[in-house]
Amino acid sequence: LVALWMRCRFNIMPLPSRLKKYVQFYNVPGDGPLRCEVHVNCPENKGIKEADLYFIKPDEQLFALIQGLEIIGAPGLNRLVRKGDADAGLPGAVN
């Protein structure tokens, strides 16, 4: 989700570089889909982003979390996007 947000918001190809912590509180998520909330630190700065992701069960209990997901992005990395992505209308993709 963070990578998609960076791609659409800043037109940069993001790459995950590390995460500080992953905690899972239950073995299985239970019935229904999980909701994922993403909290981005310094959202207006381009380049390095750090985010926390919260995976929430339908009964509003926290299933799992990822803390300190670091993603690095730069316009120069846009060349890594496949040619077919331009046909799909992704920003920065070239034919």
Protein backbone atom coordinates (compact mmCIF):
# COMPACT_ATOMS: atom_id res chain seq x y z
CA LEU A 1 0.00 0.00 0.00
CA VAL A 2 2.79 2.42 0.86
CA ALA A 3 4.54 1.71 -2.45
CA LEU A 4 1.35 2.33 -4.42
CA TRP A 5 0.71 5.56 -2.52
CA MET A 6 4.26 6.83 -3.18
CA ARG A 7 4.01 5.91 -6.86
CA CYS A 8 0.73 7.78 -7.30
CA ARG A 9 1.49 10.75 -5.05
CA PHE A 10 5.12 11.52 -5.95
CA ASN A 11 5.62 9.65 -9.25
CA ILE A 12 8.59 7.76 -7.87
CA MET A 13 9.29 4.04 -7.95
CA PRO A 14 9.60 2.95 -4.30
CA LEU A 15 11.62 0.02 -3.00
CA PRO A 16 11.26 -1.38 0.53
CA SER A 17 14.55 -1.32 2.41
CA ARG A 18 13.82 -2.57 5.95
CA LEU A 19 11.32 -2.94 8.73
CA LYS A 20 11.92 -2.58 12.43
CA LYS A 21 9.31 -4.90 13.87
CA TYR A 22 6.53 -7.33 12.94
CA VAL A 23 4.11 -8.55 15.61
CA GLN A 24 1.23 -10.97 15.04
CA PHE A 25 -1.26 -11.32 17.89
CA TYR A 26 -3.40 -14.20 16.54
CA ASN A 27 -2.63 -17.37 14.54
CA VAL A 28 -5.51 -16.81 12.09
CA PRO A 29 -7.37 -13.60 11.31
CA GLY A 30 -10.83 -15.14 11.83
CA ASP A 31 -13.88 -14.56 9.66
CA GLY A 32 -13.98 -11.76 7.15
CA PRO A 33 -11.30 -9.58 5.58
CA LEU A 34 -8.60 -7.70 7.42
CA ARG A 35 -8.52 -3.91 7.24
CA CYS A 36 -5.09 -2.36 6.77
CA GLU A 37 -4.37 1.13 8.11
CA VAL A 38 -1.18 2.86 7.03
CA HIS A 39 0.37 5.71 9.01
CA VAL A 40 3.15 7.50 7.08
CA ASN A 41 5.73 9.68 8.82
CA CYS A 42 6.74 12.86 6.93
CA PRO A 43 4.26 12.25 4.09
CA GLU A 44 5.24 15.34 2.08
CA ASN A 45 8.97 14.60 1.88
CA LYS A 46 10.13 12.70 -1.17
CA GLY A 47 12.79 10.04 -0.87
CA ILE A 48 12.77 7.95 2.29
CA LYS A 49 9.44 7.17 3.93
CA GLU A 50 8.75 5.33 7.13
CA ALA A 51 5.34 3.84 7.79
CA ASP A 52 3.51 1.77 10.36
CA LEU A 53 0.88 -0.71 9.14
CA TYR A 54 -1.96 -2.01 11.31
CA PHE A 55 -3.97 -5.09 10.29
CA ILE A 56 -7.36 -5.02 12.00
CA LYS A 57 -9.88 -7.84 12.24
CA PRO A 58 -13.60 -7.32 11.50
CA ASP A 59 -14.26 -7.24 15.27
CA GLU A 60 -11.83 -4.24 15.51
CA GLN A 61 -9.10 -6.23 17.31
CA LEU A 62 -5.54 -5.74 16.14
CA PHE A 63 -4.42 -8.87 14.27
CA ALA A 64 -0.85 -7.79 13.41
CA LEU A 65 1.33 -4.73 12.93
CA ILE A 66 4.43 -3.72 11.05
CA GLN A 67 6.42 -0.91 12.65
CA GLY A 68 9.07 1.13 10.90
CA LEU A 69 8.61 -0.05 7.33
CA GLU A 70 11.20 1.98 5.44
CA ILE A 71 10.77 2.61 1.73
CA ILE A 72 13.24 4.48 -0.46
CA GLY A 73 12.09 6.07 -3.67
CA ALA A 74 13.59 8.15 -6.46
CA PRO A 75 12.48 9.23 -9.93
CA GLY A 76 15.51 7.42 -11.38
CA LEU A 77 13.99 4.14 -10.25
CA ASN A 78 11.00 4.69 -12.55
CA ARG A 79 13.01 2.97 -15.30
CA LEU A 80 12.38 -0.29 -13.42
CA VAL A 81 8.68 -0.15 -14.29
CA ARG A 82 7.72 -2.58 -17.01
CA LYS A 83 6.79 -1.22 -20.42
CA GLY A 84 3.24 -2.57 -20.13
CA ASP A 85 2.60 -0.43 -17.04
CA ALA A 86 2.48 2.66 -19.26
CA ASP A 87 -0.47 1.16 -21.10
CA ALA A 88 -2.19 0.72 -17.72
CA GLY A 89 -1.81 4.47 -17.08
CA LEU A 90 0.69 4.31 -14.22
CA PRO A 91 2.42 7.67 -13.70
CA GLY A 92 6.00 7.84 -14.92
CA ALA A 93 5.80 4.66 -16.97
CA VAL A 94 7.15 5.01 -20.46
CA ASN A 95 6.44 3.12 -23.69
